[in-house]
Amino acid sequence: LSLQINRRQFKLSAQNFYWREYGAYTGEVALSQIRGFVDYAIVGHSERRYVFNESEEDISQKVAAAIRSNITPILCIGETALDRKEGETAAAIYSQLTSGLHEVSKEDISKVIIAYEPVWAIGTGLTATSEQAQEVHAFIRASIAAKYNATVADNTSILYGGSCKGSNAPELFSQPDIDGGLIGGAALKADTFMPIIEAFK
């Protein structure tokens, strides 16, 4: 597979992997199976959290294991509809962020990408407004600054994921703390993906 991809132009990402390096874990994808093939791996996606019941400890271990394997983890964090309704967005985001980065040193934080994906907006057609998304992205950046420092926070890529499409991408990407998108369904077809790419240029 790696021989068929121009790695200078395209980077591959894994959707999942198991963090333990050795042992019998039938059905899981080991880091040794993807190391050298992928540059990125999604960690903590809402479906892994809420469908497969991955714990904060699992997610923290995955982030650390990816870094050890020279794979950039894309740490996904986001609140549920209930969190937002009850005014718990910041608490949910902070908890997921700090636990996900628990084992990440100041030297290694530059190897992590954060993706804010409000759970209520994934695959639903609902999208956070640009103001809502910016508010959370700014909070994430401030939380990283508090944990590490302002320079680290400024240099951390924070992506938005959650029903991003060509029609809302320009406004989302124009926000000061939104550095790009973690695109799902809209990336499956060229005619829906290209407008998002154009919005980022």
N, C-alpha and C. Protein backbone atom coordinates (compact mmCIF):
# COMPACT_ATOMS: atom_id res chain seq x y z
N LEU A 1 0.82 -1.20 0.00
CA LEU A 1 0.00 0.00 0.00
C LEU A 1 0.86 1.26 0.00
N SER A 2 1.89 1.29 0.85
CA SER A 2 2.72 2.50 0.93
C SER A 2 3.43 2.77 -0.38
N LEU A 3 3.68 1.73 -1.18
CA LEU A 3 4.35 1.91 -2.46
C LEU A 3 3.42 2.56 -3.48
N GLN A 4 2.11 2.51 -3.26
CA GLN A 4 1.15 3.06 -4.20
C GLN A 4 0.78 4.50 -3.88
N ILE A 5 1.27 5.03 -2.77
CA ILE A 5 0.95 6.38 -2.33
C ILE A 5 2.17 7.27 -2.45
N ASN A 6 1.98 8.43 -3.08
CA ASN A 6 3.04 9.42 -3.12
C ASN A 6 3.06 10.12 -1.76
N ARG A 7 3.96 9.71 -0.88
CA ARG A 7 3.96 10.20 0.49
C ARG A 7 4.33 11.68 0.58
N ARG A 8 4.88 12.25 -0.49
CA ARG A 8 5.17 13.68 -0.48
C ARG A 8 3.89 14.50 -0.66
N GLN A 9 2.92 13.94 -1.34
CA GLN A 9 1.68 14.66 -1.60
C GLN A 9 0.53 14.23 -0.70
N PHE A 10 0.54 12.97 -0.28
CA PHE A 10 -0.57 12.43 0.49
C PHE A 10 -0.05 11.76 1.76
N LYS A 11 -0.78 11.94 2.84
CA LYS A 11 -0.48 11.29 4.11
C LYS A 11 -1.66 10.40 4.49
N LEU A 12 -1.37 9.22 4.96
CA LEU A 12 -2.41 8.30 5.38
C LEU A 12 -2.65 8.41 6.87
N SER A 13 -3.90 8.15 7.26
CA SER A 13 -4.24 8.12 8.68
C SER A 13 -5.02 6.86 8.98
N ALA A 14 -4.79 6.32 10.16
CA ALA A 14 -5.57 5.19 10.65
C ALA A 14 -6.76 5.72 11.44
N GLN A 15 -7.88 5.01 11.38
CA GLN A 15 -9.05 5.41 12.17
C GLN A 15 -8.98 4.87 13.58
N ASN A 16 -8.16 3.84 13.79
CA ASN A 16 -8.10 3.23 15.11
C ASN A 16 -6.88 2.32 15.21
N PHE A 17 -6.47 2.02 16.44
CA PHE A 17 -5.43 1.02 16.70
C PHE A 17 -5.52 0.67 18.17
N TYR A 18 -4.84 -0.41 18.55
CA TYR A 18 -4.79 -0.78 19.96
C TYR A 18 -3.43 -0.40 20.50
N TRP A 19 -3.41 0.12 21.72
CA TRP A 19 -2.18 0.75 22.22
C TRP A 19 -1.15 -0.22 22.78
N ARG A 20 -1.56 -1.41 23.20
CA ARG A 20 -0.57 -2.33 23.76
C ARG A 20 0.31 -2.88 22.64
N GLU A 21 1.60 -2.92 22.90
CA GLU A 21 2.56 -3.34 21.87
C GLU A 21 2.60 -4.85 21.69
N TYR A 22 2.41 -5.59 22.78
CA TYR A 22 2.52 -7.05 22.72
C TYR A 22 1.32 -7.70 23.40
N GLY A 23 1.00 -8.91 22.96
CA GLY A 23 -0.08 -9.67 23.58
C GLY A 23 -1.09 -10.14 22.56
N ALA A 24 -1.99 -10.98 23.01
CA ALA A 24 -3.03 -11.55 22.14
C ALA A 24 -4.31 -10.74 22.33
N TYR A 25 -4.64 -9.92 21.32
CA TYR A 25 -5.83 -9.08 21.38
C TYR A 25 -6.58 -9.25 20.06
N THR A 26 -7.23 -10.39 19.94
CA THR A 26 -7.89 -10.77 18.69
C THR A 26 -8.86 -9.68 18.20
N GLY A 27 -8.71 -9.35 16.94
CA GLY A 27 -9.60 -8.37 16.32
C GLY A 27 -9.10 -6.95 16.36
N GLU A 28 -8.06 -6.69 17.15
CA GLU A 28 -7.53 -5.34 17.23
C GLU A 28 -6.42 -5.12 16.21
N VAL A 29 -6.19 -3.85 15.88
CA VAL A 29 -5.10 -3.48 14.97
C VAL A 29 -3.93 -3.01 15.83
N ALA A 30 -2.81 -3.69 15.71
CA ALA A 30 -1.63 -3.32 16.50
C ALA A 30 -0.88 -2.18 15.84
N LEU A 31 -0.20 -1.39 16.66
CA LEU A 31 0.62 -0.31 16.12
C LEU A 31 1.67 -0.86 15.16
N SER A 32 2.19 -2.05 15.44
CA SER A 32 3.21 -2.63 14.57
C SER A 32 2.66 -2.90 13.18
N GLN A 33 1.33 -3.03 13.05
CA GLN A 33 0.72 -3.29 11.74
C GLN A 33 0.59 -2.03 10.90
N ILE A 34 0.53 -0.87 11.56
CA ILE A 34 0.34 0.38 10.80
C ILE A 34 1.57 1.26 10.80
N ARG A 35 2.52 0.98 11.68
CA ARG A 35 3.74 1.79 11.76
C ARG A 35 4.47 1.74 10.42
N GLY A 36 4.84 2.89 9.90
CA GLY A 36 5.52 2.96 8.61
C GLY A 36 4.56 3.14 7.44
N PHE A 37 3.27 2.86 7.66
CA PHE A 37 2.27 3.05 6.61
C PHE A 37 1.50 4.36 6.79
N VAL A 38 1.25 4.71 8.04
CA VAL A 38 0.44 5.90 8.30
C VAL A 38 1.26 6.97 9.01
N ASP A 39 0.84 8.20 8.82
CA ASP A 39 1.49 9.33 9.50
C ASP A 39 0.64 9.84 10.66
N TYR A 40 -0.66 9.55 10.59
CA TYR A 40 -1.59 10.04 11.60
C TYR A 40 -2.50 8.90 12.06
N ALA A 41 -3.11 9.08 13.22
CA ALA A 41 -4.12 8.14 13.70
C ALA A 41 -5.14 8.90 14.54
N ILE A 42 -6.41 8.66 14.28
CA ILE A 42 -7.47 9.28 15.06
C ILE A 42 -7.59 8.56 16.40
N VAL A 43 -7.66 9.35 17.46
CA VAL A 43 -7.76 8.80 18.82
C VAL A 43 -8.92 9.49 19.54
N GLY A 44 -9.76 8.72 20.21
CA GLY A 44 -10.82 9.31 21.02
C GLY A 44 -12.01 9.82 20.24
N HIS A 45 -12.20 9.35 19.01
CA HIS A 45 -13.38 9.76 18.26
C HIS A 45 -14.63 9.40 19.06
N SER A 46 -15.66 10.21 18.93
CA SER A 46 -16.86 10.02 19.75
C SER A 46 -17.45 8.62 19.61
N GLU A 47 -17.36 8.02 18.43
CA GLU A 47 -17.90 6.67 18.27
C GLU A 47 -17.07 5.66 19.05
N ARG A 48 -15.76 5.88 19.15
CA ARG A 48 -14.93 5.00 19.97
C ARG A 48 -15.26 5.18 21.45
N ARG A 49 -15.55 6.42 21.84
CA ARG A 49 -15.89 6.68 23.24
C ARG A 49 -17.25 6.11 23.62
N TYR A 50 -18.26 6.40 22.79
CA TYR A 50 -19.64 6.14 23.20
C TYR A 50 -20.21 4.84 22.64
N VAL A 51 -19.69 4.35 21.53
CA VAL A 51 -20.17 3.08 20.99
C VAL A 51 -19.33 1.93 21.52
N PHE A 52 -18.00 2.13 21.54
CA PHE A 52 -17.09 1.06 21.96
C PHE A 52 -16.59 1.23 23.40
N ASN A 53 -17.10 2.25 24.07
CA ASN A 53 -16.83 2.45 25.51
C ASN A 53 -15.35 2.56 25.84
N GLU A 54 -14.58 3.22 24.98
CA GLU A 54 -13.18 3.46 25.30
C GLU A 54 -13.09 4.44 26.47
N SER A 55 -12.27 4.09 27.43
CA SER A 55 -12.12 4.93 28.63
C SER A 55 -11.11 6.05 28.38
N GLU A 56 -11.10 7.01 29.29
CA GLU A 56 -10.11 8.08 29.22
C GLU A 56 -8.71 7.50 29.34
N GLU A 57 -8.56 6.44 30.14
CA GLU A 57 -7.25 5.79 30.27
C GLU A 57 -6.82 5.17 28.94
N ASP A 58 -7.75 4.50 28.25
CA ASP A 58 -7.45 3.93 26.92
C ASP A 58 -6.96 5.03 25.98
N ILE A 59 -7.67 6.13 25.98
CA ILE A 59 -7.37 7.22 25.05
C ILE A 59 -6.01 7.84 25.37
N SER A 60 -5.75 8.05 26.65
CA SER A 60 -4.45 8.57 27.07
C SER A 60 -3.32 7.64 26.65
N GLN A 61 -3.52 6.35 26.83
CA GLN A 61 -2.50 5.37 26.45
C GLN A 61 -2.30 5.34 24.94
N LYS A 62 -3.39 5.51 24.19
CA LYS A 62 -3.28 5.53 22.73
C LYS A 62 -2.48 6.74 22.24
N VAL A 63 -2.75 7.90 22.83
CA VAL A 63 -2.01 9.10 22.44
C VAL A 63 -0.52 8.89 22.68
N ALA A 64 -0.17 8.39 23.86
CA ALA A 64 1.24 8.18 24.20
C ALA A 64 1.88 7.12 23.30
N ALA A 65 1.14 6.05 23.02
CA ALA A 65 1.68 4.97 22.19
C ALA A 65 1.91 5.44 20.76
N ALA A 66 0.99 6.26 20.23
CA ALA A 66 1.16 6.78 18.87
C ALA A 66 2.43 7.63 18.78
N ILE A 67 2.63 8.49 19.78
CA ILE A 67 3.82 9.34 19.78
C ILE A 67 5.08 8.48 19.79
N ARG A 68 5.09 7.43 20.62
CA ARG A 68 6.26 6.54 20.68
C ARG A 68 6.53 5.87 19.34
N SER A 69 5.48 5.69 18.55
CA SER A 69 5.61 5.02 17.25
C SER A 69 5.78 6.00 16.09
N ASN A 70 6.04 7.27 16.42
CA ASN A 70 6.21 8.32 15.39
C ASN A 70 4.98 8.47 14.51
N ILE A 71 3.82 8.30 15.10
CA ILE A 71 2.54 8.53 14.45
C ILE A 71 1.88 9.70 15.17
N THR A 72 1.40 10.69 14.42
CA THR A 72 0.77 11.85 15.02
C THR A 72 -0.66 11.53 15.43
N PRO A 73 -0.95 11.55 16.73
CA PRO A 73 -2.33 11.30 17.15
C PRO A 73 -3.20 12.53 16.92
N ILE A 74 -4.40 12.30 16.42
CA ILE A 74 -5.41 13.36 16.28
C ILE A 74 -6.41 13.10 17.40
N LEU A 75 -6.24 13.83 18.49
CA LEU A 75 -7.05 13.61 19.69
C LEU A 75 -8.39 14.32 19.55
N CYS A 76 -9.46 13.54 19.48
CA CYS A 76 -10.81 14.09 19.32
C CYS A 76 -11.46 14.30 20.68
N ILE A 77 -12.03 15.47 20.85
CA ILE A 77 -12.75 15.79 22.09
C ILE A 77 -14.02 16.53 21.71
N GLY A 78 -15.06 16.38 22.53
CA GLY A 78 -16.30 17.08 22.21
C GLY A 78 -17.41 16.74 23.17
N GLU A 79 -18.33 17.67 23.33
CA GLU A 79 -19.43 17.50 24.27
C GLU A 79 -20.64 16.87 23.59
N THR A 80 -21.46 16.22 24.40
CA THR A 80 -22.72 15.67 23.91
C THR A 80 -23.79 16.78 23.92
N ALA A 81 -24.94 16.46 23.35
CA ALA A 81 -26.05 17.41 23.36
C ALA A 81 -26.47 17.71 24.80
N LEU A 82 -26.44 16.68 25.67
CA LEU A 82 -26.82 16.88 27.06
C LEU A 82 -25.82 17.78 27.78
N ASP A 83 -24.53 17.57 27.52
CA ASP A 83 -23.50 18.44 28.11
C ASP A 83 -23.80 19.89 27.78
N ARG A 84 -24.07 20.15 26.50
CA ARG A 84 -24.30 21.53 26.06
C ARG A 84 -25.57 22.09 26.68
N LYS A 85 -26.62 21.28 26.70
CA LYS A 85 -27.89 21.73 27.25
C LYS A 85 -27.75 22.12 28.72
N GLU A 86 -26.92 21.37 29.46
CA GLU A 86 -26.77 21.61 30.89
C GLU A 86 -25.62 22.56 31.23
N GLY A 87 -25.03 23.17 30.19
CA GLY A 87 -23.97 24.14 30.43
C GLY A 87 -22.65 23.52 30.85
N GLU A 88 -22.46 22.26 30.46
CA GLU A 88 -21.26 21.52 30.87
C GLU A 88 -20.24 21.37 29.74
N THR A 89 -20.37 22.16 28.70
CA THR A 89 -19.45 22.03 27.55
C THR A 89 -18.00 22.19 27.98
N ALA A 90 -17.69 23.27 28.68
CA ALA A 90 -16.30 23.53 29.07
C ALA A 90 -15.76 22.43 29.97
N ALA A 91 -16.57 21.95 30.90
CA ALA A 91 -16.13 20.89 31.80
C ALA A 91 -15.84 19.60 31.04
N ALA A 92 -16.70 19.25 30.09
CA ALA A 92 -16.50 18.04 29.30
C ALA A 92 -15.25 18.14 28.44
N ILE A 93 -15.08 19.29 27.79
CA ILE A 93 -13.92 19.51 26.94
C ILE A 93 -12.63 19.46 27.76
N TYR A 94 -12.62 20.14 28.88
CA TYR A 94 -11.42 20.20 29.72
C TYR A 94 -11.04 18.81 30.23
N SER A 95 -12.03 18.05 30.67
CA SER A 95 -11.78 16.70 31.18
C SER A 95 -11.17 15.80 30.10
N GLN A 96 -11.77 15.82 28.91
CA GLN A 96 -11.27 14.98 27.82
C GLN A 96 -9.89 15.42 27.35
N LEU A 97 -9.67 16.72 27.29
CA LEU A 97 -8.38 17.25 26.83
C LEU A 97 -7.27 16.89 27.81
N THR A 98 -7.48 17.18 29.08
CA THR A 98 -6.41 16.97 30.05
C THR A 98 -6.13 15.48 30.27
N SER A 99 -7.16 14.65 30.23
CA SER A 99 -6.91 13.21 30.38
C SER A 99 -6.24 12.65 29.13
N GLY A 100 -6.63 13.14 27.96
CA GLY A 100 -6.00 12.67 26.72
C GLY A 100 -4.54 13.04 26.63
N LEU A 101 -4.19 14.19 27.20
CA LEU A 101 -2.80 14.67 27.16
C LEU A 101 -2.03 14.33 28.44
N HIS A 102 -2.61 13.52 29.29
CA HIS A 102 -2.04 13.24 30.60
C HIS A 102 -0.59 12.79 30.53
N GLU A 103 -0.27 11.95 29.54
CA GLU A 103 1.08 11.39 29.46
C GLU A 103 1.97 12.12 28.45
N VAL A 104 1.49 13.25 27.95
CA VAL A 104 2.21 13.97 26.90
C VAL A 104 3.06 15.08 27.53
N SER A 105 4.35 15.02 27.29
CA SER A 105 5.27 16.01 27.85
C SER A 105 5.26 17.30 27.03
N LYS A 106 5.88 18.33 27.59
CA LYS A 106 6.02 19.60 26.88
C LYS A 106 6.80 19.40 25.58
N GLU A 107 7.74 18.47 25.59
CA GLU A 107 8.55 18.20 24.39
C GLU A 107 7.74 17.49 23.31
N ASP A 108 6.72 16.74 23.71
CA ASP A 108 5.97 15.92 22.74
C ASP A 108 4.64 16.52 22.32
N ILE A 109 4.17 17.57 22.99
CA ILE A 109 2.86 18.11 22.66
C ILE A 109 2.81 18.61 21.21
N SER A 110 3.95 19.00 20.67
CA SER A 110 3.98 19.47 19.27
C SER A 110 3.67 18.34 18.30
N LYS A 111 3.67 17.10 18.78
CA LYS A 111 3.40 15.94 17.94
C LYS A 111 1.93 15.54 17.98
N VAL A 112 1.09 16.35 18.62
CA VAL A 112 -0.33 16.03 18.78
C VAL A 112 -1.17 17.07 18.06
N ILE A 113 -2.23 16.61 17.39
CA ILE A 113 -3.25 17.49 16.80
C ILE A 113 -4.53 17.29 17.61
N ILE A 114 -5.22 18.37 17.89
CA ILE A 114 -6.49 18.29 18.60
C ILE A 114 -7.63 18.52 17.60
N ALA A 115 -8.69 17.75 17.74
CA ALA A 115 -9.87 17.95 16.91
C ALA A 115 -11.09 18.12 17.81
N TYR A 116 -11.74 19.27 17.68
CA TYR A 116 -12.99 19.49 18.41
C TYR A 116 -14.14 19.01 17.56
N GLU A 117 -14.86 18.01 18.07
CA GLU A 117 -16.00 17.47 17.33
C GLU A 117 -17.19 17.39 18.28
N PRO A 118 -18.05 18.40 18.27
CA PRO A 118 -19.25 18.31 19.10
C PRO A 118 -20.06 17.08 18.70
N VAL A 119 -20.29 16.21 19.66
CA VAL A 119 -20.92 14.92 19.36
C VAL A 119 -22.28 15.10 18.70
N TRP A 120 -22.98 16.13 19.10
CA TRP A 120 -24.32 16.38 18.57
C TRP A 120 -24.32 16.84 17.12
N ALA A 121 -23.14 17.13 16.58
CA ALA A 121 -23.04 17.64 15.20
C ALA A 121 -22.41 16.63 14.24
N ILE A 122 -22.09 15.44 14.72
CA ILE A 122 -21.40 14.47 13.87
C ILE A 122 -22.40 13.64 13.09
N GLY A 123 -22.39 13.82 11.77
CA GLY A 123 -23.27 13.04 10.91
C GLY A 123 -24.74 13.37 11.06
N THR A 124 -25.06 14.45 11.75
CA THR A 124 -26.47 14.80 11.99
C THR A 124 -26.96 15.87 11.04
N GLY A 125 -26.02 16.53 10.36
CA GLY A 125 -26.39 17.67 9.54
C GLY A 125 -26.36 18.96 10.34
N LEU A 126 -26.36 18.84 11.67
CA LEU A 126 -26.23 20.01 12.53
C LEU A 126 -24.77 20.42 12.60
N THR A 127 -24.52 21.68 12.68
CA THR A 127 -23.15 22.18 12.78
C THR A 127 -23.11 23.26 13.84
N ALA A 128 -22.04 23.25 14.63
CA ALA A 128 -21.85 24.37 15.54
C ALA A 128 -21.72 25.64 14.72
N THR A 129 -22.29 26.72 15.20
CA THR A 129 -22.09 27.99 14.51
C THR A 129 -20.61 28.34 14.60
N SER A 130 -20.17 29.22 13.74
CA SER A 130 -18.77 29.62 13.78
C SER A 130 -18.42 30.23 15.13
N GLU A 131 -19.39 30.94 15.73
CA GLU A 131 -19.15 31.55 17.04
C GLU A 131 -19.02 30.47 18.12
N GLN A 132 -19.90 29.45 18.08
CA GLN A 132 -19.81 28.36 19.05
C GLN A 132 -18.49 27.61 18.91
N ALA A 133 -18.13 27.31 17.68
CA ALA A 133 -16.89 26.57 17.44
C ALA A 133 -15.68 27.37 17.88
N GLN A 134 -15.65 28.65 17.53
CA GLN A 134 -14.53 29.50 17.92
C GLN A 134 -14.40 29.60 19.43
N GLU A 135 -15.53 29.72 20.12
CA GLU A 135 -15.51 29.81 21.58
C GLU A 135 -14.84 28.58 22.19
N VAL A 136 -15.20 27.39 21.69
CA VAL A 136 -14.62 26.17 22.24
C VAL A 136 -13.16 26.04 21.83
N HIS A 137 -12.84 26.37 20.59
CA HIS A 137 -11.44 26.30 20.14
C HIS A 137 -10.56 27.24 20.98
N ALA A 138 -11.05 28.43 21.27
CA ALA A 138 -10.29 29.37 22.10
C ALA A 138 -10.10 28.80 23.51
N PHE A 139 -11.13 28.14 24.02
CA PHE A 139 -11.03 27.52 25.34
C PHE A 139 -10.00 26.40 25.33
N ILE A 140 -10.00 25.60 24.28
CA ILE A 140 -9.01 24.52 24.16
C ILE A 140 -7.61 25.10 24.13
N ARG A 141 -7.41 26.14 23.33
CA ARG A 141 -6.07 26.74 23.22
C ARG A 141 -5.63 27.33 24.57
N ALA A 142 -6.56 27.96 25.27
CA ALA A 142 -6.23 28.52 26.58
C ALA A 142 -5.90 27.40 27.57
N SER A 143 -6.59 26.28 27.47
CA SER A 143 -6.32 25.15 28.37
C SER A 143 -4.95 24.55 28.09
N ILE A 144 -4.56 24.49 26.83
CA ILE A 144 -3.23 24.00 26.47
C ILE A 144 -2.16 24.97 26.98
N ALA A 145 -2.44 26.26 26.85
CA ALA A 145 -1.49 27.27 27.36
C ALA A 145 -1.31 27.13 28.86
N ALA A 146 -2.39 26.85 29.58
CA ALA A 146 -2.31 26.70 31.03
C ALA A 146 -1.51 25.45 31.41
N LYS A 147 -1.66 24.39 30.62
CA LYS A 147 -0.96 23.13 30.92
C LYS A 147 0.50 23.18 30.51
N TYR A 148 0.79 23.83 29.39
CA TYR A 148 2.16 23.89 28.87
C TYR A 148 2.64 25.35 28.90
N ASN A 149 2.39 26.08 27.81
CA ASN A 149 2.64 27.52 27.80
C ASN A 149 1.99 28.12 26.55
N ALA A 150 2.00 29.43 26.46
CA ALA A 150 1.30 30.12 25.37
C ALA A 150 1.90 29.81 24.01
N THR A 151 3.21 29.67 23.94
CA THR A 151 3.86 29.36 22.66
C THR A 151 3.43 27.99 22.17
N VAL A 152 3.42 27.02 23.05
CA VAL A 152 2.96 25.67 22.70
C VAL A 152 1.53 25.74 22.19
N ALA A 153 0.68 26.47 22.92
CA ALA A 153 -0.73 26.57 22.54
C ALA A 153 -0.89 27.20 21.15
N ASP A 154 -0.13 28.25 20.89
CA ASP A 154 -0.22 28.93 19.60
C ASP A 154 0.19 28.02 18.46
N ASN A 155 1.11 27.10 18.73
CA ASN A 155 1.63 26.21 17.69
C ASN A 155 0.88 24.90 17.58
N THR A 156 -0.15 24.70 18.40
CA THR A 156 -0.93 23.47 18.35
C THR A 156 -2.04 23.61 17.33
N SER A 157 -2.17 22.64 16.43
CA SER A 157 -3.25 22.65 15.45
C SER A 157 -4.53 22.12 16.11
N ILE A 158 -5.58 22.92 16.00
CA ILE A 158 -6.88 22.54 16.53
C ILE A 158 -7.88 22.55 15.37
N LEU A 159 -8.41 21.38 15.05
CA LEU A 159 -9.30 21.20 13.91
C LEU A 159 -10.75 21.17 14.37
N TYR A 160 -11.66 21.52 13.46
CA TYR A 160 -13.09 21.39 13.74
C TYR A 160 -13.64 20.20 12.96
N GLY A 161 -14.42 19.37 13.64
CA GLY A 161 -15.10 18.26 12.97
C GLY A 161 -16.55 18.22 13.41
N GLY A 162 -17.45 18.03 12.51
CA GLY A 162 -18.86 17.96 12.87
C GLY A 162 -19.72 18.59 11.80
N SER A 163 -20.05 17.82 10.76
CA SER A 163 -20.89 18.28 9.65
C SER A 163 -20.33 19.53 8.97
N CYS A 164 -19.01 19.57 8.84
CA CYS A 164 -18.38 20.64 8.08
C CYS A 164 -18.61 20.37 6.59
N LYS A 165 -19.03 21.38 5.87
CA LYS A 165 -19.30 21.24 4.44
C LYS A 165 -18.91 22.51 3.70
N GLY A 166 -19.01 22.46 2.39
CA GLY A 166 -18.57 23.59 1.59
C GLY A 166 -19.26 24.90 1.95
N SER A 167 -20.53 24.81 2.35
CA SER A 167 -21.29 26.02 2.63
C SER A 167 -20.89 26.70 3.94
N ASN A 168 -20.41 25.92 4.91
CA ASN A 168 -20.04 26.55 6.19
C ASN A 168 -18.54 26.59 6.44
N ALA A 169 -17.77 25.90 5.60
CA ALA A 169 -16.32 25.85 5.80
C ALA A 169 -15.66 27.24 5.76
N PRO A 170 -16.00 28.12 4.81
CA PRO A 170 -15.31 29.42 4.79
C PRO A 170 -15.46 30.19 6.11
N GLU A 171 -16.67 30.20 6.67
CA GLU A 171 -16.88 30.94 7.91
C GLU A 171 -16.18 30.26 9.08
N LEU A 172 -16.24 28.91 9.12
CA LEU A 172 -15.56 28.19 10.20
C LEU A 172 -14.05 28.43 10.15
N PHE A 173 -13.48 28.29 8.96
CA PHE A 173 -12.03 28.38 8.82
C PHE A 173 -11.51 29.81 8.97
N SER A 174 -12.41 30.78 8.92
CA SER A 174 -11.97 32.17 9.08
C SER A 174 -11.80 32.54 10.56
N GLN A 175 -12.24 31.67 11.46
CA GLN A 175 -12.12 31.96 12.88
C GLN A 175 -10.66 31.84 13.33
N PRO A 176 -10.22 32.69 14.24
CA PRO A 176 -8.79 32.76 14.58
C PRO A 176 -8.22 31.50 15.21
N ASP A 177 -9.05 30.70 15.90
CA ASP A 177 -8.52 29.52 16.57
C ASP A 177 -8.88 28.21 15.89
N ILE A 178 -9.50 28.28 14.72
CA ILE A 178 -9.83 27.07 13.96
C ILE A 178 -8.78 26.91 12.86
N ASP A 179 -7.97 25.86 12.99
CA ASP A 179 -6.82 25.69 12.09
C ASP A 179 -7.08 24.76 10.91
N GLY A 180 -8.27 24.20 10.83
CA GLY A 180 -8.59 23.28 9.75
C GLY A 180 -9.76 22.41 10.14
N GLY A 181 -9.98 21.35 9.38
CA GLY A 181 -11.13 20.51 9.64
C GLY A 181 -10.79 19.03 9.68
N LEU A 182 -11.52 18.30 10.48
CA LEU A 182 -11.50 16.84 10.47
C LEU A 182 -12.78 16.43 9.77
N ILE A 183 -12.67 16.14 8.50
CA ILE A 183 -13.84 15.99 7.63
C ILE A 183 -14.25 14.52 7.55
N GLY A 184 -15.53 14.27 7.71
CA GLY A 184 -16.06 12.91 7.65
C GLY A 184 -16.77 12.65 6.34
N GLY A 185 -18.10 12.59 6.40
CA GLY A 185 -18.90 12.21 5.24
C GLY A 185 -18.68 13.08 4.01
N ALA A 186 -18.43 14.37 4.21
CA ALA A 186 -18.25 15.27 3.07
C ALA A 186 -16.98 14.97 2.29
N ALA A 187 -16.06 14.19 2.88
CA ALA A 187 -14.81 13.86 2.18
C ALA A 187 -14.95 12.63 1.29
N LEU A 188 -16.12 12.00 1.29
CA LEU A 188 -16.30 10.77 0.53
C LEU A 188 -16.52 11.00 -0.96
N LYS A 189 -16.92 12.22 -1.32
CA LYS A 189 -17.16 12.53 -2.72
C LYS A 189 -16.41 13.80 -3.09
N ALA A 190 -15.79 13.78 -4.26
CA ALA A 190 -14.98 14.92 -4.68
C ALA A 190 -15.79 16.21 -4.75
N ASP A 191 -17.04 16.12 -5.21
CA ASP A 191 -17.81 17.36 -5.39
C ASP A 191 -18.24 17.99 -4.07
N THR A 192 -18.24 17.23 -2.98
CA THR A 192 -18.53 17.84 -1.68
C THR A 192 -17.25 18.16 -0.91
N PHE A 193 -16.17 17.46 -1.24
CA PHE A 193 -14.91 17.68 -0.53
C PHE A 193 -14.14 18.87 -1.09
N MET A 194 -14.15 19.05 -2.41
CA MET A 194 -13.37 20.12 -3.04
C MET A 194 -13.73 21.52 -2.53
N PRO A 195 -15.02 21.85 -2.33
CA PRO A 195 -15.32 23.18 -1.80
C PRO A 195 -14.72 23.43 -0.42
N ILE A 196 -14.58 22.38 0.38
CA ILE A 196 -13.98 22.52 1.70
C ILE A 196 -12.49 22.80 1.55
N ILE A 197 -11.86 22.08 0.63
CA ILE A 197 -10.44 22.31 0.36
C ILE A 197 -10.22 23.73 -0.13
N GLU A 198 -11.08 24.17 -1.03
CA GLU A 198 -10.96 25.54 -1.57
C GLU A 198 -11.15 26.58 -0.47
N ALA A 199 -12.02 26.29 0.49
CA ALA A 199 -12.27 27.24 1.58
C ALA A 199 -11.06 27.38 2.48
N PHE A 200 -10.24 26.36 2.52
CA PHE A 200 -9.06 26.38 3.40
C PHE A 200 -7.89 27.10 2.78
N LYS A 201 -7.88 27.25 1.46
CA LYS A 201 -6.74 27.86 0.79
C LYS A 201 -6.62 29.33 1.14
